C-alpha atoms as a PDB file:
ATOM      1  CA  MET A   1       1.555  -6.150   7.809  1.00  0.00           C
ATOM      2  CA  GLU A   2       0.834  -8.838  10.402  1.00  0.00           C
ATOM      3  CA  LYS A   3      -2.408 -10.410  10.339  1.00  0.00           C
ATOM      4  CA  GLU A   4      -3.244  -9.267  13.670  1.00  0.00           C
ATOM      5  CA  LYS A   5      -2.745  -6.495  12.801  1.00  0.00           C
ATOM      6  CA  LEU A   6      -4.956  -6.252   9.779  1.00  0.00           C
ATOM      7  CA  ASP A   7      -7.615  -8.098  11.643  1.00  0.00           C
ATOM      8  CA  ARG A   8      -7.988  -5.907  14.367  1.00  0.00           C
ATOM      9  CA  LEU A   9      -8.029  -3.484  11.892  1.00  0.00           C
ATOM     10  CA  SER A  10     -11.177  -4.455  10.245  1.00  0.00           C
ATOM     11  CA  GLU A  11     -12.752  -5.707  14.198  1.00  0.00           C
ATOM     12  CA  LEU A  12     -12.686  -1.950  14.503  1.00  0.00           C
ATOM     13  CA  THR A  13     -14.282  -1.844  11.296  1.00  0.00           C
ATOM     14  CA  ALA A  14     -16.684  -3.829  12.451  1.00  0.00           C
ATOM     15  CA  ILE A  15     -17.617  -2.353  15.688  1.00  0.00           C
ATOM     16  CA  SER A  16     -17.869   1.095  14.159  1.00  0.00           C
ATOM     17  CA  ARG A  17     -20.220   0.157  11.466  1.00  0.00           C
ATOM     18  CA  LYS A  18     -22.605  -0.933  15.003  1.00  0.00           C
ATOM     19  CA  ARG A  19     -21.236   2.295  17.065  1.00  0.00           C
ATOM     20  CA  GLU A  20     -19.328   4.987  17.555  1.00  0.00           C
ATOM     21  CA  LEU A  21     -15.743   4.226  18.102  1.00  0.00           C
ATOM     22  CA  THR A  22     -14.089   5.690  20.749  1.00  0.00           C
ATOM     23  CA  ASP A  23     -11.236   8.735  20.884  1.00  0.00           C
ATOM     24  CA  GLU A  24      -8.903   5.583  21.690  1.00  0.00           C
ATOM     25  CA  GLU A  25      -9.817   3.386  19.280  1.00  0.00           C
ATOM     26  CA  ARG A  26     -10.219   5.778  16.448  1.00  0.00           C
ATOM     27  CA  SER A  27      -6.428   6.938  16.476  1.00  0.00           C
ATOM     28  CA  GLU A  28      -5.911   3.045  16.896  1.00  0.00           C
ATOM     29  CA  ARG A  29      -7.714   2.103  13.655  1.00  0.00           C
ATOM     30  CA  GLU A  30      -6.344   5.700  11.188  1.00  0.00           C
ATOM     31  CA  ARG A  31      -2.641   4.214  13.542  1.00  0.00           C
ATOM     32  CA  LEU A  32      -3.572   0.572  11.944  1.00  0.00           C
ATOM     33  CA  ARG A  33      -5.080   2.314   8.227  1.00  0.00           C
ATOM     34  CA  LEU A  34      -2.054   4.142   7.708  1.00  0.00           C
ATOM     35  CA  GLU A  35       0.181   1.248   8.948  1.00  0.00           C
ATOM     36  CA  TYR A  36      -1.686  -0.821   6.305  1.00  0.00           C
ATOM     37  CA  ARG A  37      -2.099   1.515   2.880  1.00  0.00           C
ATOM     38  CA  GLN A  38       2.431   2.197   3.904  1.00  0.00           C
ATOM     39  CA  SER A  39       2.573  -1.431   3.134  1.00  0.00           C
ATOM     40  CA  VAL A  40       0.380  -1.038   0.384  1.00  0.00           C
ATOM     41  CA  VAL A  41       2.459   1.440  -1.085  1.00  0.00           C
ATOM     42  CA  ALA A  42       5.888  -0.130  -0.218  1.00  0.00           C
ATOM     43  CA  ASN A  43       5.013  -3.572  -1.641  1.00  0.00           C
ATOM     44  CA  PHE A  44       3.774  -2.377  -4.561  1.00  0.00           C
ATOM     45  CA  THR A  45       6.557  -0.206  -5.342  1.00  0.00           C
ATOM     46  CA  ASN A  46       9.032  -3.215  -5.260  1.00  0.00           C
ATOM     47  CA  THR A  47       7.112  -4.901  -7.574  1.00  0.00           C
ATOM     48  CA  LEU A  48       7.248  -2.180  -9.671  1.00  0.00           C
ATOM     49  CA  GLU A  49      10.614  -2.013  -9.585  1.00  0.00           C
ATOM     50  CA  HIS A  50      11.400  -5.803 -10.048  1.00  0.00           C
ATOM     51  CA  THR A  51       9.137  -5.694 -13.118  1.00  0.00           C
ATOM     52  CA  THR A  52      10.748  -5.023 -17.179  1.00  0.00           C
ATOM     53  CA  ILE A  53       8.925  -4.311 -20.099  1.00  0.00           C
ATOM     54  CA  VAL A  54      10.293  -6.513 -22.906  1.00  0.00           C
ATOM     55  CA  GLU A  55       9.659  -4.165 -26.228  1.00  0.00           C
ATOM     56  CA  PRO A  56       8.532  -6.128 -29.969  1.00  0.00           C
ATOM     57  CA  ASP A  57      12.006  -6.075 -30.444  1.00  0.00           C
ATOM     58  CA  GLY A  58      12.809  -7.761 -28.051  1.00  0.00           C
ATOM     59  CA  SER A  59      15.134  -5.529 -25.862  1.00  0.00           C
ATOM     60  CA  ARG A  60      13.900  -5.343 -22.321  1.00  0.00           C
ATOM     61  CA  ILE A  61      13.388  -2.269 -20.396  1.00  0.00           C
ATOM     62  CA  ARG A  62      13.610  -3.235 -16.330  1.00  0.00           C
ATOM     63  CA  VAL A  63      10.155   0.108 -15.129  1.00  0.00           C
ATOM     64  CA  SER A  64      12.853   1.425 -11.943  1.00  0.00           C
ATOM     65  CA  LYS A  65      14.790   2.766 -15.260  1.00  0.00           C
ATOM     66  CA  GLN A  66      12.249   4.405 -17.129  1.00  0.00           C
ATOM     67  CA  LYS A  67      11.090   8.521 -16.438  1.00  0.00           C
ATOM     68  CA  ARG A  68       8.343   8.839 -14.937  1.00  0.00           C
ATOM     69  CA  SER A  69       5.979  11.758 -16.282  1.00  0.00           C
ATOM     70  CA  GLY A  70       6.725  15.257 -15.337  1.00  0.00           C
ATOM     71  CA  GLU A  71      10.556  14.209 -14.327  1.00  0.00           C
ATOM     72  CA  ASP A  72      13.668  16.279 -15.357  1.00  0.00           C
ATOM     73  CA  LYS A  73      15.379  14.771 -18.651  1.00  0.00           C
END
């Protein structure tokens, strides 16, 4: 997410603490929040996909190869 959008999200949050947001401002803030959350999830997923677990025996396992709980074997 670009810095300008983060700054705008922070600005809208600060405004909301001082007064009620207009409908337009509220929808803009919700759109920016959604974009921010999607960006955080994408970055976290990317980090996990490139993470390797080193077992005590020295073997390496890529996190992306691990089965998630609840997945079929």
